[in-house]
Amino acid sequence: ILETAVEDPQRLLQALDSWRDAATDAFLVSMRNTAGASRLWPQDAALADRLLRFFVLEKAVYEVGYEFANRPEWVHVPLFGLWRTLFPEESV
């Protein structure tokens, strides 16, 4: 994919989107499997999903602040991640 992706930026973006989605899904499944057995984690799936979404949002907001303070030219990266977290249906 990389050899042709250099010639086709759209294909590279699609490959990166696929990789990010697969990595995110793997992380969330692992997180649910690991935390799901804990008494500290909600047994209600909807509540657990909202809690996990809160933690992802909290981390994204932290990353925006970090980039503003240390690498303002990179702040678009966590801002885009924050946007995708808040509005996943609009980010497709």
Protein backbone atom coordinates (compact mmCIF):
# COMPACT_ATOMS: atom_id res chain seq x y z
CA ILE A 1 0.00 0.00 0.00
CA LEU A 2 2.79 2.47 0.86
CA GLU A 3 4.40 2.27 -2.57
CA THR A 4 1.19 3.27 -4.32
CA ALA A 5 0.03 5.51 -1.48
CA VAL A 6 2.80 7.99 -2.17
CA GLU A 7 1.37 8.38 -5.65
CA ASP A 8 -2.23 8.36 -4.41
CA PRO A 9 -2.71 10.48 -1.25
CA GLN A 10 -6.39 9.50 -1.01
CA ARG A 11 -5.44 5.83 -0.82
CA LEU A 12 -2.90 6.62 1.90
CA LEU A 13 -5.56 8.47 3.92
CA GLN A 14 -7.93 5.52 3.56
CA ALA A 15 -5.21 3.11 4.73
CA LEU A 16 -4.40 5.34 7.70
CA ASP A 17 -8.10 5.64 8.58
CA SER A 18 -8.46 1.84 8.45
CA TRP A 19 -5.41 1.36 10.65
CA ARG A 20 -6.61 3.96 13.19
CA ASP A 21 -10.08 2.41 13.33
CA ALA A 22 -8.67 -1.10 13.81
CA ALA A 23 -6.25 0.10 16.52
CA THR A 24 -9.02 2.01 18.30
CA ASP A 25 -11.38 -0.98 18.18
CA ALA A 26 -8.66 -3.31 19.51
CA PHE A 27 -7.88 -0.91 22.36
CA LEU A 28 -11.54 -0.48 23.34
CA VAL A 29 -12.22 -4.22 23.24
CA SER A 30 -9.15 -4.85 25.39
CA MET A 31 -10.14 -2.09 27.80
CA ARG A 32 -13.65 -3.49 28.16
CA ASN A 33 -12.36 -7.04 28.63
CA THR A 34 -9.81 -5.99 31.23
CA ALA A 35 -11.92 -3.52 33.19
CA GLY A 36 -15.17 -5.44 32.78
CA ALA A 37 -14.30 -7.93 35.48
CA SER A 38 -13.49 -5.22 38.02
CA ARG A 39 -15.91 -4.10 40.68
CA LEU A 40 -14.78 -0.56 39.86
CA TRP A 41 -16.14 -0.78 36.31
CA PRO A 42 -19.90 -0.45 35.64
CA GLN A 43 -21.57 -3.72 34.69
CA ASP A 44 -24.17 -1.83 32.67
CA ALA A 45 -22.74 -1.73 29.11
CA ALA A 46 -24.26 1.66 28.23
CA LEU A 47 -22.90 3.25 31.39
CA ALA A 48 -19.48 1.68 30.83
CA ASP A 49 -19.40 3.02 27.26
CA ARG A 50 -20.26 6.53 28.46
CA LEU A 51 -17.53 6.34 31.11
CA LEU A 52 -14.97 5.16 28.58
CA ARG A 53 -16.02 7.94 26.19
CA PHE A 54 -15.54 10.45 29.03
CA PHE A 55 -11.98 9.21 29.61
CA VAL A 56 -11.20 9.43 25.88
CA LEU A 57 -12.56 13.00 25.80
CA GLU A 58 -10.57 13.92 28.89
CA LYS A 59 -7.37 12.66 27.26
CA ALA A 60 -8.12 14.46 23.99
CA VAL A 61 -8.67 17.78 25.81
CA TYR A 62 -5.41 17.26 27.72
CA GLU A 63 -3.57 16.64 24.42
CA VAL A 64 -4.98 19.85 22.91
CA GLY A 65 -3.65 21.82 25.89
CA TYR A 66 -0.29 20.07 25.71
CA GLU A 67 0.16 20.84 22.02
CA PHE A 68 -0.86 24.47 22.48
CA ALA A 69 1.76 24.83 25.22
CA ASN A 70 4.58 22.87 23.59
CA ARG A 71 4.01 22.48 19.85
CA PRO A 72 1.32 24.86 18.65
CA GLU A 73 2.00 23.94 15.03
CA TRP A 74 0.79 20.39 15.86
CA VAL A 75 -2.42 21.33 17.70
CA HIS A 76 -4.49 20.37 14.65
CA VAL A 77 -3.74 16.69 15.38
CA PRO A 78 -5.44 16.43 18.80
CA LEU A 79 -8.13 18.91 17.71
CA PHE A 80 -9.07 16.56 14.89
CA GLY A 81 -9.09 13.64 17.33
CA LEU A 82 -11.30 15.61 19.69
CA TRP A 83 -13.65 16.43 16.80
CA ARG A 84 -13.82 12.74 15.79
CA THR A 85 -14.60 11.78 19.40
CA LEU A 86 -17.33 14.38 19.84
CA PHE A 87 -18.90 13.97 16.39
CA PRO A 88 -18.06 10.49 15.07
CA GLU A 89 -20.95 10.49 12.60
CA GLU A 90 -19.66 13.69 10.97
CA SER A 91 -16.05 12.51 10.76
CA VAL A 92 -16.65 9.66 8.34
